[in-house]
Amino acid sequence: MKQGPNSKRIEDNMRSGPLAAHQFLGTDTRTLSDIILHDQLLLESLGLTNQDISERMHYFTEQLKANPGPRVVDNKFMAEREEHKGAILCPFADNVQASKSITRVTNIELRKTVMWSDLNIHLIGTHGFYEGYGAPFRVDPAEYAEVLEINKPK
């Protein structure tokens, strides 16, 4: 997929610019536009949207803000939150900052765990960006839909 100059500039910053240290693209060699397109096609096949994923992640994060855990949520999930000092800027240059805190959720029945940073919620909900393969905080939409029990809209 051809990407515009703004997308190319953002990708360049993620690969070798000031944002490279955060490894948003991981080891992925695809363009930023192709990474986003691939995940959007996967979501369509699941019958889900970026908002379905980001809202479910936000739900768990909010459950833990007052008490970081670990604790059981909805009698199905073991959840905890690691608080870290500082904030990280959104790589899409929209002046959004998120705390560096991490939420970890285990589906007790499936015995599978997923984790995300606060910034992941914004990146997915606003930009449809799940990060590249090999990125430390890559969110696989299909895996997260399964573990967090995100069902297709009715």
N, C-alpha and C. Protein backbone atom coordinates (compact mmCIF):
# COMPACT_ATOMS: atom_id res chain seq x y z
N MET A 1 0.85 -1.18 0.00
CA MET A 1 0.00 0.00 0.00
C MET A 1 0.89 1.23 0.00
N LYS A 2 0.56 2.18 -0.85
CA LYS A 2 1.34 3.42 -0.91
C LYS A 2 0.96 4.29 0.28
N GLN A 3 1.97 4.90 0.88
CA GLN A 3 1.69 5.76 2.03
C GLN A 3 2.03 7.21 1.69
N GLY A 4 1.30 8.10 2.32
CA GLY A 4 1.51 9.53 2.10
C GLY A 4 2.74 10.03 2.82
N PRO A 5 3.11 11.30 2.56
CA PRO A 5 4.32 11.86 3.16
C PRO A 5 4.26 11.95 4.69
N ASN A 6 3.09 12.21 5.25
CA ASN A 6 2.98 12.29 6.71
C ASN A 6 3.22 10.91 7.33
N SER A 7 2.64 9.88 6.74
CA SER A 7 2.83 8.53 7.23
C SER A 7 4.28 8.10 7.09
N LYS A 8 4.91 8.48 6.00
CA LYS A 8 6.33 8.16 5.78
C LYS A 8 7.21 8.85 6.83
N ARG A 9 6.91 10.10 7.16
CA ARG A 9 7.67 10.84 8.16
C ARG A 9 7.53 10.17 9.53
N ILE A 10 6.32 9.77 9.88
CA ILE A 10 6.07 9.10 11.16
C ILE A 10 6.83 7.77 11.20
N GLU A 11 6.76 7.02 10.09
CA GLU A 11 7.48 5.75 10.03
C GLU A 11 8.99 5.96 10.17
N ASP A 12 9.52 6.95 9.50
CA ASP A 12 10.96 7.25 9.60
C ASP A 12 11.35 7.56 11.05
N ASN A 13 10.52 8.32 11.75
CA ASN A 13 10.78 8.62 13.17
C ASN A 13 10.74 7.37 14.03
N MET A 14 9.85 6.43 13.68
CA MET A 14 9.75 5.19 14.44
C MET A 14 10.94 4.27 14.17
N ARG A 15 11.48 4.30 12.96
CA ARG A 15 12.58 3.39 12.60
C ARG A 15 13.94 3.90 13.05
N SER A 16 14.19 5.20 12.84
CA SER A 16 15.54 5.68 13.13
C SER A 16 15.58 7.06 13.78
N GLY A 17 14.43 7.63 14.01
CA GLY A 17 14.37 8.95 14.62
C GLY A 17 14.25 8.87 16.13
N PRO A 18 13.74 9.93 16.72
CA PRO A 18 13.65 10.00 18.18
C PRO A 18 12.74 8.95 18.81
N LEU A 19 11.87 8.35 18.02
CA LEU A 19 10.94 7.34 18.56
C LEU A 19 11.45 5.92 18.42
N ALA A 20 12.58 5.74 17.75
CA ALA A 20 13.09 4.39 17.48
C ALA A 20 13.36 3.60 18.75
N ALA A 21 13.75 4.27 19.82
CA ALA A 21 14.07 3.59 21.08
C ALA A 21 12.86 2.85 21.65
N HIS A 22 11.66 3.27 21.30
CA HIS A 22 10.44 2.63 21.82
C HIS A 22 10.06 1.38 21.04
N GLN A 23 10.72 1.15 19.90
CA GLN A 23 10.53 -0.06 19.10
C GLN A 23 9.08 -0.31 18.69
N PHE A 24 8.38 0.73 18.30
CA PHE A 24 6.99 0.58 17.87
C PHE A 24 6.85 -0.37 16.68
N LEU A 25 7.86 -0.40 15.80
CA LEU A 25 7.79 -1.24 14.61
C LEU A 25 8.48 -2.58 14.80
N GLY A 26 9.19 -2.75 15.91
CA GLY A 26 9.85 -4.02 16.18
C GLY A 26 10.81 -4.39 15.08
N THR A 27 10.71 -5.65 14.62
CA THR A 27 11.56 -6.14 13.53
C THR A 27 10.82 -6.15 12.20
N ASP A 28 9.64 -5.58 12.18
CA ASP A 28 8.79 -5.59 11.00
C ASP A 28 9.40 -4.73 9.90
N THR A 29 9.50 -5.28 8.70
CA THR A 29 10.07 -4.53 7.58
C THR A 29 9.01 -3.93 6.68
N ARG A 30 7.74 -4.21 6.96
CA ARG A 30 6.66 -3.63 6.16
C ARG A 30 6.55 -2.14 6.44
N THR A 31 5.92 -1.41 5.52
CA THR A 31 5.68 0.01 5.76
C THR A 31 4.63 0.16 6.86
N LEU A 32 4.62 1.33 7.47
CA LEU A 32 3.63 1.64 8.50
C LEU A 32 2.22 1.43 7.95
N SER A 33 1.98 1.91 6.76
CA SER A 33 0.66 1.77 6.14
C SER A 33 0.28 0.31 5.95
N ASP A 34 1.24 -0.52 5.53
CA ASP A 34 0.96 -1.94 5.34
C ASP A 34 0.70 -2.65 6.66
N ILE A 35 1.42 -2.26 7.70
CA ILE A 35 1.19 -2.85 9.03
C ILE A 35 -0.24 -2.55 9.48
N ILE A 36 -0.65 -1.31 9.34
CA ILE A 36 -2.01 -0.90 9.75
C ILE A 36 -3.05 -1.61 8.90
N LEU A 37 -2.85 -1.65 7.58
CA LEU A 37 -3.80 -2.30 6.67
C LEU A 37 -3.96 -3.78 7.01
N HIS A 38 -2.86 -4.47 7.26
CA HIS A 38 -2.92 -5.90 7.58
C HIS A 38 -3.79 -6.15 8.81
N ASP A 39 -3.59 -5.34 9.85
CA ASP A 39 -4.39 -5.52 11.06
C ASP A 39 -5.85 -5.16 10.86
N GLN A 40 -6.12 -4.18 10.00
CA GLN A 40 -7.51 -3.82 9.74
C GLN A 40 -8.23 -4.95 9.00
N LEU A 41 -7.53 -5.60 8.08
CA LEU A 41 -8.12 -6.73 7.37
C LEU A 41 -8.38 -7.90 8.32
N LEU A 42 -7.47 -8.12 9.24
CA LEU A 42 -7.66 -9.17 10.24
C LEU A 42 -8.88 -8.85 11.11
N LEU A 43 -9.00 -7.61 11.55
CA LEU A 43 -10.16 -7.21 12.35
C LEU A 43 -11.47 -7.43 11.59
N GLU A 44 -11.49 -7.04 10.32
CA GLU A 44 -12.69 -7.23 9.50
C GLU A 44 -13.08 -8.70 9.45
N SER A 45 -12.08 -9.58 9.30
CA SER A 45 -12.38 -11.02 9.24
C SER A 45 -12.95 -11.53 10.57
N LEU A 46 -12.61 -10.86 11.67
CA LEU A 46 -13.13 -11.23 12.98
C LEU A 46 -14.47 -10.56 13.28
N GLY A 47 -14.86 -9.61 12.42
CA GLY A 47 -16.10 -8.86 12.66
C GLY A 47 -15.96 -7.85 13.78
N LEU A 48 -14.73 -7.39 14.03
CA LEU A 48 -14.46 -6.45 15.12
C LEU A 48 -13.91 -5.14 14.59
N THR A 49 -13.89 -4.14 15.48
CA THR A 49 -13.34 -2.82 15.14
C THR A 49 -12.20 -2.49 16.10
N ASN A 50 -11.46 -1.47 15.75
CA ASN A 50 -10.42 -0.97 16.65
C ASN A 50 -11.03 -0.59 18.00
N GLN A 51 -12.21 -0.01 17.97
CA GLN A 51 -12.86 0.42 19.21
C GLN A 51 -13.25 -0.78 20.08
N ASP A 52 -13.66 -1.88 19.46
CA ASP A 52 -13.98 -3.08 20.24
C ASP A 52 -12.76 -3.52 21.06
N ILE A 53 -11.60 -3.52 20.43
CA ILE A 53 -10.37 -3.95 21.10
C ILE A 53 -9.95 -2.92 22.15
N SER A 54 -9.87 -1.65 21.74
CA SER A 54 -9.37 -0.62 22.67
C SER A 54 -10.31 -0.41 23.85
N GLU A 55 -11.61 -0.49 23.64
CA GLU A 55 -12.55 -0.31 24.75
C GLU A 55 -12.45 -1.45 25.77
N ARG A 56 -12.21 -2.66 25.30
CA ARG A 56 -12.07 -3.79 26.23
C ARG A 56 -10.77 -3.65 27.03
N MET A 57 -9.70 -3.23 26.36
CA MET A 57 -8.44 -3.01 27.07
C MET A 57 -8.61 -1.88 28.09
N HIS A 58 -9.30 -0.82 27.70
CA HIS A 58 -9.55 0.31 28.59
C HIS A 58 -10.37 -0.15 29.81
N TYR A 59 -11.34 -1.02 29.59
CA TYR A 59 -12.17 -1.54 30.68
C TYR A 59 -11.30 -2.16 31.77
N PHE A 60 -10.38 -3.03 31.38
CA PHE A 60 -9.52 -3.69 32.38
C PHE A 60 -8.58 -2.68 33.04
N THR A 61 -8.02 -1.79 32.25
CA THR A 61 -7.11 -0.79 32.81
C THR A 61 -7.83 0.07 33.84
N GLU A 62 -9.04 0.48 33.56
CA GLU A 62 -9.82 1.29 34.50
C GLU A 62 -10.16 0.51 35.76
N GLN A 63 -10.43 -0.80 35.62
CA GLN A 63 -10.74 -1.63 36.79
C GLN A 63 -9.59 -1.64 37.79
N LEU A 64 -8.37 -1.42 37.28
CA LEU A 64 -7.18 -1.56 38.11
C LEU A 64 -6.58 -0.24 38.57
N LYS A 65 -7.08 0.89 38.10
CA LYS A 65 -6.44 2.17 38.43
C LYS A 65 -6.49 2.47 39.92
N ALA A 66 -7.58 2.20 40.59
CA ALA A 66 -7.68 2.48 42.02
C ALA A 66 -6.91 1.45 42.85
N ASN A 67 -6.88 0.22 42.36
CA ASN A 67 -6.19 -0.87 43.07
C ASN A 67 -5.48 -1.72 42.02
N PRO A 68 -4.17 -1.51 41.84
CA PRO A 68 -3.44 -2.17 40.75
C PRO A 68 -3.41 -3.70 40.78
N GLY A 69 -3.86 -4.30 41.86
CA GLY A 69 -3.98 -5.74 41.87
C GLY A 69 -2.77 -6.45 42.41
N PRO A 70 -2.62 -7.73 42.16
CA PRO A 70 -3.47 -8.54 41.29
C PRO A 70 -4.83 -8.82 41.91
N ARG A 71 -5.81 -8.95 41.03
CA ARG A 71 -7.15 -9.26 41.51
C ARG A 71 -7.99 -9.87 40.40
N VAL A 72 -9.05 -10.54 40.79
CA VAL A 72 -9.95 -11.18 39.83
C VAL A 72 -10.95 -10.14 39.35
N VAL A 73 -11.16 -10.13 38.04
CA VAL A 73 -12.14 -9.22 37.42
C VAL A 73 -13.19 -10.08 36.72
N ASP A 74 -14.43 -9.79 36.98
CA ASP A 74 -15.57 -10.47 36.35
C ASP A 74 -15.53 -11.99 36.53
N ASN A 75 -14.94 -12.46 37.61
CA ASN A 75 -14.86 -13.89 37.93
C ASN A 75 -14.22 -14.75 36.84
N LYS A 76 -13.51 -14.12 35.89
CA LYS A 76 -12.93 -14.86 34.77
C LYS A 76 -11.49 -14.51 34.50
N PHE A 77 -11.05 -13.37 35.00
CA PHE A 77 -9.74 -12.85 34.63
C PHE A 77 -8.93 -12.49 35.87
N MET A 78 -7.65 -12.81 35.84
CA MET A 78 -6.72 -12.33 36.86
C MET A 78 -6.02 -11.13 36.22
N ALA A 79 -6.12 -9.99 36.86
CA ALA A 79 -5.58 -8.77 36.27
C ALA A 79 -4.70 -8.04 37.26
N GLU A 80 -3.70 -7.37 36.73
CA GLU A 80 -2.83 -6.54 37.56
C GLU A 80 -2.25 -5.43 36.69
N ARG A 81 -1.78 -4.41 37.38
CA ARG A 81 -1.25 -3.23 36.71
C ARG A 81 0.07 -2.86 37.35
N GLU A 82 1.07 -2.67 36.51
CA GLU A 82 2.38 -2.20 36.98
C GLU A 82 2.46 -0.71 36.71
N GLU A 83 2.64 0.05 37.77
CA GLU A 83 2.76 1.50 37.63
C GLU A 83 4.22 1.86 37.40
N HIS A 84 4.47 2.66 36.39
CA HIS A 84 5.82 3.12 36.09
C HIS A 84 5.81 4.64 36.00
N LYS A 85 6.88 5.26 36.45
CA LYS A 85 6.97 6.72 36.38
C LYS A 85 7.20 7.16 34.94
N GLY A 86 6.71 8.35 34.65
CA GLY A 86 6.95 8.94 33.35
C GLY A 86 5.81 8.71 32.38
N ALA A 87 5.97 9.32 31.22
CA ALA A 87 4.97 9.23 30.17
C ALA A 87 5.67 9.03 28.84
N ILE A 88 4.91 8.57 27.87
CA ILE A 88 5.43 8.36 26.53
C ILE A 88 4.51 9.07 25.55
N LEU A 89 5.11 9.72 24.57
CA LEU A 89 4.35 10.46 23.56
C LEU A 89 3.86 9.54 22.47
N CYS A 90 2.69 9.85 21.95
CA CYS A 90 2.16 9.13 20.80
C CYS A 90 3.06 9.37 19.59
N PRO A 91 3.45 8.33 18.88
CA PRO A 91 4.33 8.50 17.72
C PRO A 91 3.64 9.18 16.53
N PHE A 92 2.33 9.34 16.59
CA PHE A 92 1.60 9.97 15.49
C PHE A 92 1.52 11.48 15.64
N ALA A 93 2.29 12.02 16.56
CA ALA A 93 2.44 13.47 16.73
C ALA A 93 1.10 14.18 16.94
N ASP A 94 0.23 13.60 17.75
CA ASP A 94 -1.05 14.24 18.04
C ASP A 94 -1.10 14.82 19.46
N ASN A 95 0.07 15.00 20.05
CA ASN A 95 0.22 15.60 21.38
C ASN A 95 -0.43 14.81 22.50
N VAL A 96 -0.60 13.52 22.31
CA VAL A 96 -1.14 12.66 23.36
C VAL A 96 0.03 12.03 24.10
N GLN A 97 -0.05 12.05 25.41
CA GLN A 97 0.93 11.38 26.27
C GLN A 97 0.18 10.34 27.10
N ALA A 98 0.82 9.22 27.32
CA ALA A 98 0.23 8.18 28.16
C ALA A 98 1.25 7.74 29.20
N SER A 99 0.76 7.32 30.34
CA SER A 99 1.68 6.81 31.36
C SER A 99 2.36 5.55 30.83
N LYS A 100 3.48 5.23 31.42
CA LYS A 100 4.23 4.04 31.01
C LYS A 100 3.75 2.78 31.74
N SER A 101 2.61 2.86 32.38
CA SER A 101 2.08 1.73 33.13
C SER A 101 1.65 0.60 32.20
N ILE A 102 1.67 -0.60 32.76
CA ILE A 102 1.35 -1.80 31.98
C ILE A 102 0.23 -2.57 32.68
N THR A 103 -0.74 -2.99 31.89
CA THR A 103 -1.83 -3.83 32.39
C THR A 103 -1.59 -5.24 31.87
N ARG A 104 -1.76 -6.22 32.75
CA ARG A 104 -1.58 -7.63 32.39
C ARG A 104 -2.86 -8.36 32.79
N VAL A 105 -3.44 -9.11 31.85
CA VAL A 105 -4.69 -9.84 32.11
C VAL A 105 -4.53 -11.29 31.67
N THR A 106 -4.90 -12.19 32.58
CA THR A 106 -4.89 -13.62 32.28
C THR A 106 -6.32 -14.12 32.26
N ASN A 107 -6.69 -14.78 31.18
CA ASN A 107 -7.98 -15.46 31.12
C ASN A 107 -7.77 -16.77 31.88
N ILE A 108 -8.43 -16.89 33.03
CA ILE A 108 -8.21 -18.02 33.93
C ILE A 108 -8.55 -19.34 33.26
N GLU A 109 -9.65 -19.38 32.54
CA GLU A 109 -10.09 -20.62 31.88
C GLU A 109 -9.12 -21.03 30.76
N LEU A 110 -8.70 -20.07 29.94
CA LEU A 110 -7.81 -20.37 28.82
C LEU A 110 -6.35 -20.50 29.24
N ARG A 111 -6.03 -19.94 30.43
CA ARG A 111 -4.66 -19.89 30.91
C ARG A 111 -3.74 -19.19 29.91
N LYS A 112 -4.26 -18.10 29.36
CA LYS A 112 -3.48 -17.27 28.43
C LYS A 112 -3.46 -15.85 28.96
N THR A 113 -2.32 -15.19 28.77
CA THR A 113 -2.11 -13.84 29.29
C THR A 113 -1.75 -12.88 28.16
N VAL A 114 -2.30 -11.67 28.25
CA VAL A 114 -1.93 -10.58 27.34
C VAL A 114 -1.57 -9.37 28.20
N MET A 115 -0.79 -8.47 27.61
CA MET A 115 -0.43 -7.25 28.34
C MET A 115 -0.35 -6.09 27.36
N TRP A 116 -0.51 -4.88 27.90
CA TRP A 116 -0.44 -3.68 27.07
C TRP A 116 -0.06 -2.49 27.92
N SER A 117 0.44 -1.48 27.23
CA SER A 117 0.73 -0.21 27.89
C SER A 117 -0.49 0.69 27.73
N ASP A 118 -0.54 1.74 28.51
CA ASP A 118 -1.64 2.70 28.37
C ASP A 118 -1.66 3.30 26.97
N LEU A 119 -0.47 3.48 26.38
CA LEU A 119 -0.41 4.06 25.04
C LEU A 119 -1.03 3.14 24.00
N ASN A 120 -0.93 1.82 24.18
CA ASN A 120 -1.55 0.90 23.23
C ASN A 120 -3.03 1.18 23.04
N ILE A 121 -3.71 1.50 24.12
CA ILE A 121 -5.15 1.77 24.03
C ILE A 121 -5.41 2.93 23.08
N HIS A 122 -4.63 3.99 23.21
CA HIS A 122 -4.76 5.15 22.32
C HIS A 122 -4.37 4.80 20.89
N LEU A 123 -3.24 4.11 20.72
CA LEU A 123 -2.76 3.78 19.39
C LEU A 123 -3.78 2.96 18.61
N ILE A 124 -4.43 2.03 19.29
CA ILE A 124 -5.43 1.19 18.63
C ILE A 124 -6.72 1.96 18.39
N GLY A 125 -7.25 2.60 19.42
CA GLY A 125 -8.54 3.28 19.29
C GLY A 125 -8.52 4.47 18.35
N THR A 126 -7.43 5.20 18.31
CA THR A 126 -7.36 6.41 17.49
C THR A 126 -6.69 6.20 16.14
N HIS A 127 -5.64 5.38 16.11
CA HIS A 127 -4.84 5.24 14.89
C HIS A 127 -4.92 3.86 14.24
N GLY A 128 -5.59 2.91 14.87
CA GLY A 128 -5.66 1.56 14.31
C GLY A 128 -4.29 0.91 14.22
N PHE A 129 -3.40 1.28 15.13
CA PHE A 129 -2.01 0.80 15.09
C PHE A 129 -1.77 -0.16 16.24
N TYR A 130 -1.44 -1.40 15.89
CA TYR A 130 -1.22 -2.46 16.87
C TYR A 130 0.26 -2.75 17.07
N GLU A 131 1.12 -1.96 16.45
CA GLU A 131 2.57 -2.07 16.45
C GLU A 131 3.01 -3.20 15.52
N GLY A 132 4.29 -3.15 15.16
CA GLY A 132 4.83 -4.11 14.21
C GLY A 132 5.23 -5.42 14.85
N TYR A 133 5.43 -6.44 14.00
CA TYR A 133 5.91 -7.73 14.50
C TYR A 133 7.25 -7.53 15.21
N GLY A 134 7.42 -8.21 16.31
CA GLY A 134 8.66 -8.10 17.07
C GLY A 134 8.71 -6.93 18.02
N ALA A 135 7.70 -6.07 18.01
CA ALA A 135 7.65 -4.93 18.94
C ALA A 135 7.32 -5.46 20.34
N PRO A 136 7.95 -4.91 21.37
CA PRO A 136 7.69 -5.40 22.73
C PRO A 136 6.23 -5.32 23.15
N PHE A 137 5.49 -4.36 22.61
CA PHE A 137 4.08 -4.20 22.99
C PHE A 137 3.14 -4.42 21.81
N ARG A 138 3.55 -5.28 20.88
CA ARG A 138 2.68 -5.65 19.76
C ARG A 138 1.41 -6.28 20.31
N VAL A 139 0.27 -5.83 19.81
CA VAL A 139 -1.03 -6.39 20.18
C VAL A 139 -1.53 -7.17 18.97
N ASP A 140 -1.70 -8.46 19.11
CA ASP A 140 -2.27 -9.28 18.04
C ASP A 140 -3.79 -9.25 18.22
N PRO A 141 -4.51 -8.62 17.29
CA PRO A 141 -5.96 -8.46 17.48
C PRO A 141 -6.70 -9.78 17.72
N ALA A 142 -6.34 -10.84 17.01
CA ALA A 142 -7.04 -12.12 17.17
C ALA A 142 -6.77 -12.72 18.55
N GLU A 143 -5.53 -12.65 19.00
CA GLU A 143 -5.18 -13.18 20.31
C GLU A 143 -5.89 -12.40 21.43
N TYR A 144 -5.89 -11.08 21.33
CA TYR A 144 -6.52 -10.26 22.36
C TYR A 144 -8.03 -10.46 22.36
N ALA A 145 -8.63 -10.62 21.18
CA ALA A 145 -10.07 -10.88 21.11
C ALA A 145 -10.41 -12.18 21.82
N GLU A 146 -9.57 -13.21 21.64
CA GLU A 146 -9.80 -14.49 22.29
C GLU A 146 -9.61 -14.40 23.80
N VAL A 147 -8.46 -13.88 24.22
CA VAL A 147 -8.12 -13.86 25.65
C VAL A 147 -9.05 -12.94 26.44
N LEU A 148 -9.38 -11.79 25.87
CA LEU A 148 -10.23 -10.81 26.58
C LEU A 148 -11.71 -11.04 26.32
N GLU A 149 -12.01 -12.10 25.56
CA GLU A 149 -13.39 -12.47 25.24
C GLU A 149 -14.17 -11.32 24.62
N ILE A 150 -13.63 -10.80 23.55
CA ILE A 150 -14.29 -9.74 22.78
C ILE A 150 -15.10 -10.41 21.70
N ASN A 151 -16.40 -10.33 21.82
CA ASN A 151 -17.28 -11.00 20.88
C ASN A 151 -17.67 -10.09 19.73
N LYS A 152 -18.04 -10.73 18.64
CA LYS A 152 -18.51 -9.97 17.48
C LYS A 152 -19.76 -9.20 17.87
N PRO A 153 -19.88 -7.95 17.35
CA PRO A 153 -21.10 -7.18 17.66
C PRO A 153 -22.32 -7.92 17.11
N LYS A 154 -23.42 -7.77 17.82
CA LYS A 154 -24.65 -8.44 17.39
C LYS A 154 -25.44 -7.58 16.43
